[in-house]
């Protein structure tokens, strides 16, 4: 039976080593008028708050929600370290408990596949004012022939051959057309999408930490297996990818949906 995914078990690595969406993502939203000062925003499935902090840096009043107290604690500390003010609420994306028609923006970064998607889409519609926007975004590493991502994923599969289905959702492509059906069925219209590729630099240490903080490693494997994976990963990097900086290819995908 596949293990249950609990990102709270890896909140330390998650907050230290997962880079989050690049500045180019937020700049793109700002250029298109989706992101601007004064917007009231809810970031669901916020995790350690990488998207929430980006929204706050652009002048939004942000409420960040997540089901993991450990992740929210890390998010609160990171926000404090960055001198950013926001509210935090332990709540699922499907039932936030926040007031209806009170927000201009709802965001879900790197998390939509973990939700009851129809229920989360209906909740986003309830939260938004007419004309408000829902943004579902992903930042996926790209396994290409012979690259470090392909080799790392093979090692993950050797240690975790039977992961939860959602842990591999969208892997390898970084595009999520099925999300358009989710939001259309909930009543959102019109829809827009965009995607672009970006290289994110990692050291050996930070790439190992990033990979430990994944659904296929520390969020599901027992601690002893995580240690064995990390040691094998360190050997793999030293032997096959010895350069000091690893430029990891990623794809940003975003769906923008409007409440009529």
Protein backbone atom coordinates (compact mmCIF):
# COMPACT_ATOMS: atom_id res chain seq x y z
CA UNK A 1 0.00 0.00 0.00
CA UNK A 2 1.49 3.39 -0.94
CA UNK A 3 2.65 5.57 1.94
CA UNK A 4 0.78 8.67 3.04
CA UNK A 5 2.45 11.92 1.97
CA UNK A 6 3.25 14.29 4.85
CA UNK A 7 5.32 17.33 3.88
CA UNK A 8 5.35 18.41 7.52
CA UNK A 9 8.00 15.71 8.04
CA UNK A 10 10.36 17.59 5.74
CA UNK A 11 9.51 21.21 6.57
CA UNK A 12 13.12 22.04 7.50
CA UNK A 13 14.58 20.92 4.15
CA UNK A 14 11.55 22.35 2.38
CA UNK A 15 12.08 25.83 3.81
CA UNK A 16 15.86 25.79 3.28
CA UNK A 17 16.24 24.16 -0.13
CA UNK A 18 13.09 24.48 -2.24
CA UNK A 19 13.67 27.70 -4.13
CA UNK A 20 10.07 28.39 -5.06
CA UNK A 21 8.83 30.30 -8.07
CA UNK A 22 11.38 32.58 -9.75
CA UNK A 23 10.99 36.36 -9.81
CA UNK A 24 10.09 36.07 -13.50
CA UNK A 25 6.81 34.39 -12.52
CA UNK A 26 5.68 37.29 -10.34
CA UNK A 27 6.95 39.84 -12.88
CA UNK A 28 4.85 38.14 -15.56
CA UNK A 29 1.73 38.37 -13.38
CA UNK A 30 2.45 42.02 -12.61
CA UNK A 31 2.96 42.88 -16.31
CA UNK A 32 -0.39 41.34 -17.15
CA UNK A 33 -2.12 43.34 -14.41
CA UNK A 34 -2.99 40.26 -12.36
CA UNK A 35 -0.69 41.21 -9.50
CA UNK A 36 -0.67 44.72 -8.04
CA UNK A 37 -0.49 46.59 -4.77
CA UNK A 38 -3.54 46.41 -2.53
CA UNK A 39 -5.03 43.14 -3.71
CA UNK A 40 -6.53 40.89 -1.04
CA UNK A 41 -5.05 37.44 -1.65
CA UNK A 42 -5.44 33.93 -0.26
CA UNK A 43 -2.62 31.45 -0.92
CA UNK A 44 -4.01 27.93 -0.40
CA UNK A 45 -1.75 24.95 0.20
CA UNK A 46 0.87 27.56 1.03
CA UNK A 47 3.47 25.21 2.47
CA UNK A 48 6.45 27.28 3.59
CA UNK A 49 4.95 30.32 1.89
CA UNK A 50 7.07 30.80 -1.22
CA UNK A 51 4.13 32.10 -3.27
CA UNK A 52 2.64 33.99 -0.32
CA UNK A 53 5.89 35.89 0.21
CA UNK A 54 6.05 36.78 -3.48
CA UNK A 55 2.53 38.19 -3.30
CA UNK A 56 3.37 40.17 -0.16
CA UNK A 57 6.50 41.60 -1.77
CA UNK A 58 4.26 42.94 -4.54
CA UNK A 59 2.03 44.74 -2.05
CA UNK A 60 -0.80 42.23 -1.59
CA UNK A 61 -2.54 41.67 1.74
CA UNK A 62 -2.00 37.92 2.08
CA UNK A 63 -3.68 35.14 4.03
CA UNK A 64 -1.74 31.86 3.76
CA UNK A 65 -3.49 28.56 4.48
CA UNK A 66 -2.20 25.00 4.80
CA UNK A 67 -3.17 21.80 6.61
CA UNK A 68 0.31 21.34 8.12
CA UNK A 69 1.14 23.24 11.29
CA UNK A 70 4.85 22.48 10.73
CA UNK A 71 4.80 24.04 7.28
CA UNK A 72 2.93 27.11 8.52
CA UNK A 73 5.41 27.52 11.36
CA UNK A 74 8.27 27.50 8.84
CA UNK A 75 6.34 29.93 6.62
CA UNK A 76 5.78 32.29 9.53
CA UNK A 77 9.48 32.31 10.37
CA UNK A 78 10.52 32.92 6.76
CA UNK A 79 8.04 35.77 6.46
CA UNK A 80 9.35 37.30 9.66
CA UNK A 81 12.94 36.96 8.45
CA UNK A 82 11.94 38.81 5.26
CA UNK A 83 10.08 41.51 7.25
CA UNK A 84 6.82 40.60 5.51
CA UNK A 85 3.46 40.74 7.26
CA UNK A 86 0.73 38.21 6.46
CA UNK A 87 -1.91 36.10 8.17
CA UNK A 88 -1.59 32.34 8.58
CA UNK A 89 -4.45 29.89 8.98
CA UNK A 90 -4.37 26.11 9.40
CA UNK A 91 -7.14 25.04 7.03
CA UNK A 92 -7.68 22.88 3.94
CA UNK A 93 -8.01 24.46 0.52
CA UNK A 94 -11.45 22.91 0.14
CA UNK A 95 -12.89 24.61 3.26
CA UNK A 96 -10.81 27.59 4.36
CA UNK A 97 -13.40 29.08 6.72
CA UNK A 98 -12.65 32.51 5.24
CA UNK A 99 -15.46 34.91 4.30
CA UNK A 100 -17.17 34.68 0.92
CA UNK A 101 -16.65 37.24 -1.84
CA UNK A 102 -13.91 38.92 0.18
CA UNK A 103 -10.76 38.41 -1.91
CA UNK A 104 -9.38 39.58 -5.24
CA UNK A 105 -6.93 36.75 -5.76
CA UNK A 106 -6.63 33.07 -4.83
CA UNK A 107 -3.36 31.30 -5.58
CA UNK A 108 -2.35 27.64 -5.46
CA UNK A 109 1.33 27.05 -6.13
CA UNK A 110 2.68 23.53 -6.62
CA UNK A 111 -0.23 21.98 -4.75
CA UNK A 112 -3.43 21.68 -6.81
CA UNK A 113 -2.88 17.95 -7.45
CA UNK A 114 -2.97 17.26 -3.69
CA UNK A 115 -6.49 18.69 -3.25
CA UNK A 116 -9.99 17.44 -3.84
CA UNK A 117 -9.81 19.54 -6.98
CA UNK A 118 -13.52 20.13 -7.69
CA UNK A 119 -14.09 21.13 -4.05
CA UNK A 120 -11.03 23.42 -4.04
CA UNK A 121 -12.21 25.10 -7.24
CA UNK A 122 -15.66 25.71 -5.76
CA UNK A 123 -14.09 27.15 -2.61
CA UNK A 124 -11.91 29.49 -4.65
CA UNK A 125 -14.99 30.70 -6.53
CA UNK A 126 -16.75 31.32 -3.20
CA UNK A 127 -13.84 33.33 -1.82
CA UNK A 128 -13.44 35.63 -4.82
CA UNK A 129 -15.22 38.84 -5.67
CA UNK A 130 -16.72 39.04 -9.18
CA UNK A 131 -13.81 39.58 -11.54
CA UNK A 132 -11.39 38.03 -9.02
CA UNK A 133 -8.71 35.69 -10.28
CA UNK A 134 -7.67 32.15 -9.40
CA UNK A 135 -4.04 31.31 -10.26
CA UNK A 136 -2.97 27.67 -10.28
CA UNK A 137 0.77 27.42 -10.86
CA UNK A 138 3.46 24.75 -10.97
CA UNK A 139 7.24 24.78 -11.02
CA UNK A 140 8.49 21.37 -12.15
CA UNK A 141 12.02 20.16 -12.69
CA UNK A 142 12.55 18.60 -16.12
CA UNK A 143 14.16 15.17 -16.59
CA UNK A 144 16.03 15.35 -19.89
CA UNK A 145 18.15 12.57 -21.45
CA UNK A 146 21.35 12.22 -19.47
CA UNK A 147 20.75 15.13 -17.09
CA UNK A 148 20.97 15.15 -13.30
CA UNK A 149 17.17 15.24 -12.93
CA UNK A 150 16.73 12.04 -14.93
CA UNK A 151 19.42 10.31 -12.84
CA UNK A 152 17.94 11.61 -9.58
CA UNK A 153 14.42 10.47 -10.49
CA UNK A 154 15.76 6.98 -11.32
CA UNK A 155 17.33 6.84 -7.87
CA UNK A 156 14.07 8.00 -6.27
CA UNK A 157 12.18 5.24 -8.08
CA UNK A 158 14.68 2.65 -6.82
CA UNK A 159 14.04 3.72 -3.21
CA UNK A 160 10.31 4.40 -3.60
CA UNK A 161 8.91 2.11 -6.31
CA UNK A 162 5.26 2.40 -5.20
CA UNK A 163 4.59 6.07 -4.42
CA UNK A 164 1.13 7.65 -4.08
CA UNK A 165 -0.34 8.45 -7.49
CA UNK A 166 -0.38 12.19 -6.83
CA UNK A 167 3.36 12.17 -6.09
CA UNK A 168 4.05 11.65 -9.80
CA UNK A 169 1.24 13.77 -11.21
CA UNK A 170 2.51 15.77 -14.19
CA UNK A 171 6.11 14.64 -13.78
CA UNK A 172 8.30 15.04 -16.82
CA UNK A 173 6.13 17.47 -18.78
CA UNK A 174 5.27 20.33 -16.44
CA UNK A 175 1.96 21.14 -18.16
CA UNK A 176 -1.47 20.57 -16.62
CA UNK A 177 -4.33 20.87 -19.12
CA UNK A 178 -6.65 18.91 -16.82
CA UNK A 179 -6.77 21.87 -14.43
CA UNK A 180 -8.74 23.81 -17.08
CA UNK A 181 -11.59 21.33 -16.74
CA UNK A 182 -11.52 21.69 -12.95
CA UNK A 183 -12.04 25.45 -13.01
CA UNK A 184 -14.46 25.45 -15.93
CA UNK A 185 -16.71 22.97 -14.14
CA UNK A 186 -16.66 25.23 -11.06
CA UNK A 187 -17.90 28.20 -13.09
CA UNK A 188 -14.73 30.15 -13.90
CA UNK A 189 -14.50 31.95 -17.25
CA UNK A 190 -12.53 33.13 -19.16
CA UNK A 191 -9.28 31.19 -18.78
CA UNK A 192 -5.69 31.95 -19.75
CA UNK A 193 -2.49 29.91 -19.49
CA UNK A 194 1.21 30.55 -19.90
CA UNK A 195 4.43 28.61 -19.44
CA UNK A 196 8.13 29.26 -19.70
CA UNK A 197 11.36 27.41 -18.93
CA UNK A 198 14.04 28.55 -16.52
CA UNK A 199 17.35 27.24 -15.14
CA UNK A 200 17.63 27.26 -11.35
CA UNK A 201 21.13 26.86 -9.85
CA UNK A 202 21.75 24.35 -7.06
CA UNK A 203 24.86 23.25 -5.21
CA UNK A 204 25.26 19.57 -4.43
CA UNK A 205 24.11 20.24 -0.88
CA UNK A 206 21.05 22.25 -1.89
CA UNK A 207 20.03 19.78 -4.63
CA UNK A 208 20.24 16.93 -2.14
CA UNK A 209 18.12 18.98 0.29
CA UNK A 210 15.65 19.86 -2.45
CA UNK A 211 15.26 16.21 -3.34
CA UNK A 212 14.87 15.10 0.28
CA UNK A 213 12.03 17.65 0.50
CA UNK A 214 10.02 15.89 -2.19
CA UNK A 215 6.96 13.69 -2.08
CA UNK A 216 9.03 10.70 -3.18
CA UNK A 217 11.63 10.96 -0.39
CA UNK A 218 11.24 12.43 3.11
CA UNK A 219 7.51 13.11 2.79
CA UNK A 220 6.85 9.37 2.39
CA UNK A 221 9.92 7.24 3.21
CA UNK A 222 10.93 6.14 6.72
CA UNK A 223 13.86 8.17 8.17
CA UNK A 224 16.38 5.34 7.70
CA UNK A 225 15.48 5.07 4.01
CA UNK A 226 15.78 8.84 3.63
CA UNK A 227 19.33 8.65 5.01
CA UNK A 228 20.22 5.78 2.67
CA UNK A 229 18.75 7.66 -0.30
CA UNK A 230 20.67 10.81 0.58
CA UNK A 231 23.96 8.92 0.84
CA UNK A 232 23.37 7.24 -2.52
CA UNK A 233 22.39 10.59 -4.02
CA UNK A 234 25.60 12.18 -2.75
CA UNK A 235 27.65 9.40 -4.40
CA UNK A 236 25.72 9.79 -7.65
CA UNK A 237 26.37 13.52 -7.79
CA UNK A 238 30.06 13.19 -6.91
CA UNK A 239 30.66 10.50 -9.52
CA UNK A 240 28.44 11.63 -12.42
CA UNK A 241 27.79 15.35 -11.93
CA UNK A 242 30.88 16.71 -10.14
CA UNK A 243 30.52 20.37 -11.17
CA UNK A 244 30.06 22.74 -8.24
CA UNK A 245 26.84 24.31 -9.56
CA UNK A 246 24.05 22.29 -11.13
CA UNK A 247 21.79 24.26 -13.47
CA UNK A 248 18.49 22.44 -13.06
CA UNK A 249 15.95 23.00 -15.88
CA UNK A 250 12.43 23.83 -14.69
CA UNK A 251 9.15 24.67 -16.35
CA UNK A 252 6.70 27.22 -14.93
CA UNK A 253 3.06 26.60 -15.81
CA UNK A 254 0.22 28.93 -14.77
CA UNK A 255 -3.53 28.85 -15.26
CA UNK A 256 -5.39 32.13 -14.71
CA UNK A 257 -9.15 31.81 -14.24
CA UNK A 258 -11.64 34.60 -13.63
CA UNK A 259 -14.79 34.55 -11.52
CA UNK A 260 -17.59 35.98 -13.70
